[in-house]
């Protein structure tokens, strides 16, 4: 399911893909449709999404879903995704009134994937903003994850001493993976054009 980047602005495209997917899912449920052969699902939004999850959705129509990829959007947390073993998530961590909101929603989603074995996060601008003084991120336990791949893109080198508290660091502290066996880190830095040489 892919969101058209050229949607009419009046359609509030910042959350359009979430609502489209919600409507599609409920139409399947109302008609009693089931896709037992569906094992992989890609949901692709707009990179300008405001990162708002829609209402909880009944995924009973995809009982054997194994792989879920969410790009520039995140589905609403639900207990109906117990069959998912592979999750890949790509998102720009953009500024909002609550700078920890993207991480808070992601933790809530991950906490409802009890059989998740492989987790990949591709995050842009993840350290661009310091966490505010709001409540701590609630811990999420992923008991079955054995493989974790973290790709950080457009990182900013922070020269402040001491550096501000990072929302990314708070997120990693809240994410628990007791069965982790393999971790892969990939870092890409934003070119600010600033000469830091002495």
C-alpha atoms as a PDB file:
ATOM      1  CA  UNK A   1       0.000   0.000   0.000  1.00  0.00           C
ATOM      2  CA  UNK A   2       1.669   3.201  -1.185  1.00  0.00           C
ATOM      3  CA  UNK A   3       0.603   6.783  -0.604  1.00  0.00           C
ATOM      4  CA  UNK A   4       0.582   8.982  -3.693  1.00  0.00           C
ATOM      5  CA  UNK A   5       3.038  11.847  -3.145  1.00  0.00           C
ATOM      6  CA  UNK A   6       0.804  14.022  -5.385  1.00  0.00           C
ATOM      7  CA  UNK A   7      -2.359  13.812  -3.286  1.00  0.00           C
ATOM      8  CA  UNK A   8      -4.481  16.944  -3.119  1.00  0.00           C
ATOM      9  CA  UNK A   9      -3.329  19.000  -0.122  1.00  0.00           C
ATOM     10  CA  UNK A  10      -6.969  19.283   0.993  1.00  0.00           C
ATOM     11  CA  UNK A  11      -6.930  15.554   1.760  1.00  0.00           C
ATOM     12  CA  UNK A  12      -4.559  16.105   4.688  1.00  0.00           C
ATOM     13  CA  UNK A  13      -1.977  13.777   3.179  1.00  0.00           C
ATOM     14  CA  UNK A  14       0.105  13.876   6.358  1.00  0.00           C
ATOM     15  CA  UNK A  15      -2.010  11.080   7.789  1.00  0.00           C
ATOM     16  CA  UNK A  16      -3.740   9.810   4.644  1.00  0.00           C
ATOM     17  CA  UNK A  17      -2.002   6.445   4.384  1.00  0.00           C
ATOM     18  CA  UNK A  18      -2.906   5.492   7.963  1.00  0.00           C
ATOM     19  CA  UNK A  19      -6.586   6.189   7.358  1.00  0.00           C
ATOM     20  CA  UNK A  20      -6.562   4.495   3.952  1.00  0.00           C
ATOM     21  CA  UNK A  21      -5.098   1.362   5.483  1.00  0.00           C
ATOM     22  CA  UNK A  22      -7.574   1.478   8.358  1.00  0.00           C
ATOM     23  CA  UNK A  23     -10.485   1.716   5.924  1.00  0.00           C
ATOM     24  CA  UNK A  24      -9.130  -1.073   3.747  1.00  0.00           C
ATOM     25  CA  UNK A  25      -8.669  -3.371   6.737  1.00  0.00           C
ATOM     26  CA  UNK A  26     -12.180  -2.802   8.060  1.00  0.00           C
ATOM     27  CA  UNK A  27     -13.690  -3.386   4.618  1.00  0.00           C
ATOM     28  CA  UNK A  28     -11.955  -6.777   4.553  1.00  0.00           C
ATOM     29  CA  UNK A  29     -13.336  -7.590   8.000  1.00  0.00           C
ATOM     30  CA  UNK A  30     -16.901  -6.469   7.149  1.00  0.00           C
ATOM     31  CA  UNK A  31     -16.930  -8.653   4.031  1.00  0.00           C
ATOM     32  CA  UNK A  32     -15.363 -11.627   5.786  1.00  0.00           C
ATOM     33  CA  UNK A  33     -12.365 -11.579   3.456  1.00  0.00           C
ATOM     34  CA  UNK A  34      -9.222 -13.434   4.497  1.00  0.00           C
ATOM     35  CA  UNK A  35      -5.806 -13.569   2.844  1.00  0.00           C
ATOM     36  CA  UNK A  36      -4.189 -16.632   4.426  1.00  0.00           C
ATOM     37  CA  UNK A  37      -1.453 -16.711   1.766  1.00  0.00           C
ATOM     38  CA  UNK A  38      -0.323 -13.141   2.499  1.00  0.00           C
ATOM     39  CA  UNK A  39       3.018 -13.282   4.304  1.00  0.00           C
ATOM     40  CA  UNK A  40       4.548  -9.883   3.496  1.00  0.00           C
ATOM     41  CA  UNK A  41       3.035  -6.385   3.668  1.00  0.00           C
ATOM     42  CA  UNK A  42       4.621  -3.038   2.749  1.00  0.00           C
ATOM     43  CA  UNK A  43       2.941   0.207   3.813  1.00  0.00           C
ATOM     44  CA  UNK A  44       4.586   3.293   2.314  1.00  0.00           C
ATOM     45  CA  UNK A  45       3.545   6.819   3.309  1.00  0.00           C
ATOM     46  CA  UNK A  46       4.953  10.270   2.612  1.00  0.00           C
ATOM     47  CA  UNK A  47       8.244  11.393   4.110  1.00  0.00           C
ATOM     48  CA  UNK A  48       6.397  14.490   5.345  1.00  0.00           C
ATOM     49  CA  UNK A  49       3.963  12.446   7.435  1.00  0.00           C
ATOM     50  CA  UNK A  50       3.185  13.903  10.841  1.00  0.00           C
ATOM     51  CA  UNK A  51       3.583  10.405  12.280  1.00  0.00           C
ATOM     52  CA  UNK A  52       0.076   9.870  13.595  1.00  0.00           C
ATOM     53  CA  UNK A  53      -1.142   6.303  13.927  1.00  0.00           C
ATOM     54  CA  UNK A  54      -4.767   5.635  13.069  1.00  0.00           C
ATOM     55  CA  UNK A  55      -7.238   3.811  15.305  1.00  0.00           C
ATOM     56  CA  UNK A  56      -6.542   0.152  16.195  1.00  0.00           C
ATOM     57  CA  UNK A  57      -7.170  -2.154  13.256  1.00  0.00           C
ATOM     58  CA  UNK A  58      -8.361  -5.767  13.069  1.00  0.00           C
ATOM     59  CA  UNK A  59      -5.745  -7.725  11.100  1.00  0.00           C
ATOM     60  CA  UNK A  60      -7.658 -10.998  11.243  1.00  0.00           C
ATOM     61  CA  UNK A  61      -7.737 -10.972   7.434  1.00  0.00           C
ATOM     62  CA  UNK A  62      -3.964 -11.626   7.357  1.00  0.00           C
ATOM     63  CA  UNK A  63      -3.519 -14.462   9.871  1.00  0.00           C
ATOM     64  CA  UNK A  64      -0.161 -15.600   8.482  1.00  0.00           C
ATOM     65  CA  UNK A  65       1.540 -12.240   8.021  1.00  0.00           C
ATOM     66  CA  UNK A  66       5.257 -12.728   8.690  1.00  0.00           C
ATOM     67  CA  UNK A  67       6.996  -9.633   7.323  1.00  0.00           C
ATOM     68  CA  UNK A  68       5.841  -6.041   7.839  1.00  0.00           C
ATOM     69  CA  UNK A  69       7.585  -2.988   6.390  1.00  0.00           C
ATOM     70  CA  UNK A  70       6.437   0.519   7.294  1.00  0.00           C
ATOM     71  CA  UNK A  71       8.056   3.423   5.457  1.00  0.00           C
ATOM     72  CA  UNK A  72       7.247   6.978   6.579  1.00  0.00           C
ATOM     73  CA  UNK A  73       4.246   5.750   8.529  1.00  0.00           C
ATOM     74  CA  UNK A  74       3.465   3.530  11.496  1.00  0.00           C
ATOM     75  CA  UNK A  75       0.405   1.373  12.006  1.00  0.00           C
ATOM     76  CA  UNK A  76      -1.600   1.694  15.184  1.00  0.00           C
ATOM     77  CA  UNK A  77      -0.503  -0.623  18.026  1.00  0.00           C
ATOM     78  CA  UNK A  78      -2.625  -3.756  18.093  1.00  0.00           C
ATOM     79  CA  UNK A  79      -2.472  -7.191  19.694  1.00  0.00           C
ATOM     80  CA  UNK A  80      -3.497  -8.776  16.373  1.00  0.00           C
ATOM     81  CA  UNK A  81       0.007  -8.839  14.852  1.00  0.00           C
ATOM     82  CA  UNK A  82       1.323 -11.822  16.777  1.00  0.00           C
ATOM     83  CA  UNK A  83       2.301 -13.656  13.565  1.00  0.00           C
ATOM     84  CA  UNK A  84       4.819 -10.960  12.507  1.00  0.00           C
ATOM     85  CA  UNK A  85       8.424 -12.119  12.896  1.00  0.00           C
ATOM     86  CA  UNK A  86      10.202  -9.495  10.749  1.00  0.00           C
ATOM     87  CA  UNK A  87       9.619  -5.754  11.030  1.00  0.00           C
ATOM     88  CA  UNK A  88      11.382  -2.980   9.100  1.00  0.00           C
ATOM     89  CA  UNK A  89      10.637   0.653   9.867  1.00  0.00           C
ATOM     90  CA  UNK A  90      11.880   3.768   8.057  1.00  0.00           C
ATOM     91  CA  UNK A  91      11.071   7.302   9.231  1.00  0.00           C
ATOM     92  CA  UNK A  92      12.245  10.887   9.406  1.00  0.00           C
ATOM     93  CA  UNK A  93      12.293  12.000  13.046  1.00  0.00           C
ATOM     94  CA  UNK A  94      11.013  15.520  12.492  1.00  0.00           C
ATOM     95  CA  UNK A  95      10.364  18.322  14.946  1.00  0.00           C
ATOM     96  CA  UNK A  96       7.039  18.465  16.783  1.00  0.00           C
ATOM     97  CA  UNK A  97       5.802  19.828  20.084  1.00  0.00           C
ATOM     98  CA  UNK A  98       6.672  16.510  21.735  1.00  0.00           C
ATOM     99  CA  UNK A  99      10.111  15.601  20.415  1.00  0.00           C
ATOM    100  CA  UNK A 100       9.879  12.097  21.902  1.00  0.00           C
ATOM    101  CA  UNK A 101       6.555  11.299  20.201  1.00  0.00           C
ATOM    102  CA  UNK A 102       7.968   9.203  17.312  1.00  0.00           C
ATOM    103  CA  UNK A 103       9.941   7.040  19.731  1.00  0.00           C
ATOM    104  CA  UNK A 104       7.014   6.748  22.137  1.00  0.00           C
ATOM    105  CA  UNK A 105       4.705   5.495  19.360  1.00  0.00           C
ATOM    106  CA  UNK A 106       7.360   3.098  18.076  1.00  0.00           C
ATOM    107  CA  UNK A 107       7.913   1.583  21.511  1.00  0.00           C
ATOM    108  CA  UNK A 108       4.163   1.097  21.922  1.00  0.00           C
ATOM    109  CA  UNK A 109       4.016  -0.680  18.579  1.00  0.00           C
ATOM    110  CA  UNK A 110       7.038  -2.926  19.210  1.00  0.00           C
ATOM    111  CA  UNK A 111       5.673  -3.960  22.589  1.00  0.00           C
ATOM    112  CA  UNK A 112       2.773  -5.691  20.808  1.00  0.00           C
ATOM    113  CA  UNK A 113       4.928  -7.877  18.523  1.00  0.00           C
ATOM    114  CA  UNK A 114       5.712 -10.784  20.887  1.00  0.00           C
ATOM    115  CA  UNK A 115       7.036 -13.110  18.169  1.00  0.00           C
ATOM    116  CA  UNK A 116       9.245 -10.548  16.455  1.00  0.00           C
ATOM    117  CA  UNK A 117      12.602 -12.146  15.599  1.00  0.00           C
ATOM    118  CA  UNK A 118      14.225  -9.620  13.245  1.00  0.00           C
ATOM    119  CA  UNK A 119      14.016  -5.836  13.729  1.00  0.00           C
ATOM    120  CA  UNK A 120      15.366  -3.174  11.362  1.00  0.00           C
ATOM    121  CA  UNK A 121      15.104   0.560  12.084  1.00  0.00           C
ATOM    122  CA  UNK A 122      16.173   3.135   9.472  1.00  0.00           C
ATOM    123  CA  UNK A 123      15.949   6.569  11.075  1.00  0.00           C
ATOM    124  CA  UNK A 124      16.745   9.988   9.598  1.00  0.00           C
ATOM    125  CA  UNK A 125      17.611  13.009  11.776  1.00  0.00           C
ATOM    126  CA  UNK A 126      17.286  10.815  14.854  1.00  0.00           C
ATOM    127  CA  UNK A 127      19.606  12.935  16.984  1.00  0.00           C
ATOM    128  CA  UNK A 128      18.596  16.336  15.634  1.00  0.00           C
ATOM    129  CA  UNK A 129      16.558  17.220  18.704  1.00  0.00           C
ATOM    130  CA  UNK A 130      17.152  16.890  22.402  1.00  0.00           C
ATOM    131  CA  UNK A 131      14.501  15.260  24.545  1.00  0.00           C
ATOM    132  CA  UNK A 132      12.363  17.689  26.453  1.00  0.00           C
ATOM    133  CA  UNK A 133      11.828  17.368  30.176  1.00  0.00           C
ATOM    134  CA  UNK A 134       8.640  15.338  29.734  1.00  0.00           C
ATOM    135  CA  UNK A 135       7.923  11.864  31.100  1.00  0.00           C
ATOM    136  CA  UNK A 136      10.402   9.068  30.498  1.00  0.00           C
ATOM    137  CA  UNK A 137       9.789   6.696  27.632  1.00  0.00           C
ATOM    138  CA  UNK A 138       7.951   3.576  28.740  1.00  0.00           C
ATOM    139  CA  UNK A 139       9.960   0.396  28.426  1.00  0.00           C
ATOM    140  CA  UNK A 140       9.080  -2.042  25.622  1.00  0.00           C
ATOM    141  CA  UNK A 141      10.239  -5.650  25.789  1.00  0.00           C
ATOM    142  CA  UNK A 142      10.830  -7.588  22.571  1.00  0.00           C
ATOM    143  CA  UNK A 143      11.456 -11.053  24.050  1.00  0.00           C
ATOM    144  CA  UNK A 144      12.017 -12.917  20.766  1.00  0.00           C
ATOM    145  CA  UNK A 145      14.238 -10.495  18.841  1.00  0.00           C
ATOM    146  CA  UNK A 146      17.567 -12.143  17.987  1.00  0.00           C
ATOM    147  CA  UNK A 147      18.671  -9.826  15.161  1.00  0.00           C
ATOM    148  CA  UNK A 148      18.644  -6.008  15.322  1.00  0.00           C
ATOM    149  CA  UNK A 149      19.815  -3.689  12.544  1.00  0.00           C
ATOM    150  CA  UNK A 150      19.949   0.059  13.251  1.00  0.00           C
ATOM    151  CA  UNK A 151      20.662   2.448  10.393  1.00  0.00           C
ATOM    152  CA  UNK A 152      20.990   6.092  11.384  1.00  0.00           C
ATOM    153  CA  UNK A 153      21.009   8.594   8.540  1.00  0.00           C
ATOM    154  CA  UNK A 154      21.629  12.363   8.458  1.00  0.00           C
ATOM    155  CA  UNK A 155      23.163  12.376  11.939  1.00  0.00           C
ATOM    156  CA  UNK A 156      24.388  15.712  13.285  1.00  0.00           C
ATOM    157  CA  UNK A 157      27.722  15.936  15.099  1.00  0.00           C
ATOM    158  CA  UNK A 158      26.903  17.663  18.393  1.00  0.00           C
ATOM    159  CA  UNK A 159      29.675  20.000  19.559  1.00  0.00           C
ATOM    160  CA  UNK A 160      27.982  21.189  22.747  1.00  0.00           C
ATOM    161  CA  UNK A 161      29.656  20.264  26.041  1.00  0.00           C
ATOM    162  CA  UNK A 162      27.960  18.520  27.644  1.00  0.00           C
ATOM    163  CA  UNK A 163      25.711  17.412  24.756  1.00  0.00           C
ATOM    164  CA  UNK A 164      21.928  17.630  25.293  1.00  0.00           C
ATOM    165  CA  UNK A 165      20.053  14.497  26.312  1.00  0.00           C
ATOM    166  CA  UNK A 166      19.205  12.622  23.136  1.00  0.00           C
ATOM    167  CA  UNK A 167      15.757  11.161  22.442  1.00  0.00           C
ATOM    168  CA  UNK A 168      17.490   8.410  20.498  1.00  0.00           C
ATOM    169  CA  UNK A 169      19.534   7.418  23.553  1.00  0.00           C
ATOM    170  CA  UNK A 170      16.389   7.427  25.703  1.00  0.00           C
ATOM    171  CA  UNK A 171      14.681   5.218  23.121  1.00  0.00           C
ATOM    172  CA  UNK A 172      17.515   2.693  23.110  1.00  0.00           C
ATOM    173  CA  UNK A 173      17.479   2.610  26.911  1.00  0.00           C
ATOM    174  CA  UNK A 174      13.752   1.795  26.837  1.00  0.00           C
ATOM    175  CA  UNK A 175      13.992  -0.906  24.161  1.00  0.00           C
ATOM    176  CA  UNK A 176      14.682  -4.306  25.781  1.00  0.00           C
ATOM    177  CA  UNK A 177      15.801  -7.292  23.679  1.00  0.00           C
ATOM    178  CA  UNK A 178      16.874 -10.015  26.114  1.00  0.00           C
ATOM    179  CA  UNK A 179      17.375 -12.669  23.400  1.00  0.00           C
ATOM    180  CA  UNK A 180      19.488 -10.481  21.088  1.00  0.00           C
ATOM    181  CA  UNK A 181      22.278 -12.404  19.346  1.00  0.00           C
ATOM    182  CA  UNK A 182      23.261 -10.148  16.446  1.00  0.00           C
ATOM    183  CA  UNK A 183      23.354  -6.356  16.113  1.00  0.00           C
ATOM    184  CA  UNK A 184      24.330  -4.333  13.041  1.00  0.00           C
ATOM    185  CA  UNK A 185      24.923  -0.563  13.189  1.00  0.00           C
ATOM    186  CA  UNK A 186      25.219   1.750  10.191  1.00  0.00           C
ATOM    187  CA  UNK A 187      25.853   5.494  10.615  1.00  0.00           C
ATOM    188  CA  UNK A 188      25.533   8.283   8.063  1.00  0.00           C
ATOM    189  CA  UNK A 189      26.296  11.905   8.931  1.00  0.00           C
ATOM    190  CA  UNK A 190      24.758  15.097   7.579  1.00  0.00           C
ATOM    191  CA  UNK A 191      27.161  17.421   5.773  1.00  0.00           C
ATOM    192  CA  UNK A 192      26.691  20.752   7.561  1.00  0.00           C
ATOM    193  CA  UNK A 193      29.507  22.469   5.694  1.00  0.00           C
ATOM    194  CA  UNK A 194      31.087  23.480   9.024  1.00  0.00           C
ATOM    195  CA  UNK A 195      34.846  23.261   9.319  1.00  0.00           C
ATOM    196  CA  UNK A 196      35.625  21.828  12.766  1.00  0.00           C
ATOM    197  CA  UNK A 197      39.400  21.700  12.371  1.00  0.00           C
ATOM    198  CA  UNK A 198      41.539  23.720  14.736  1.00  0.00           C
END
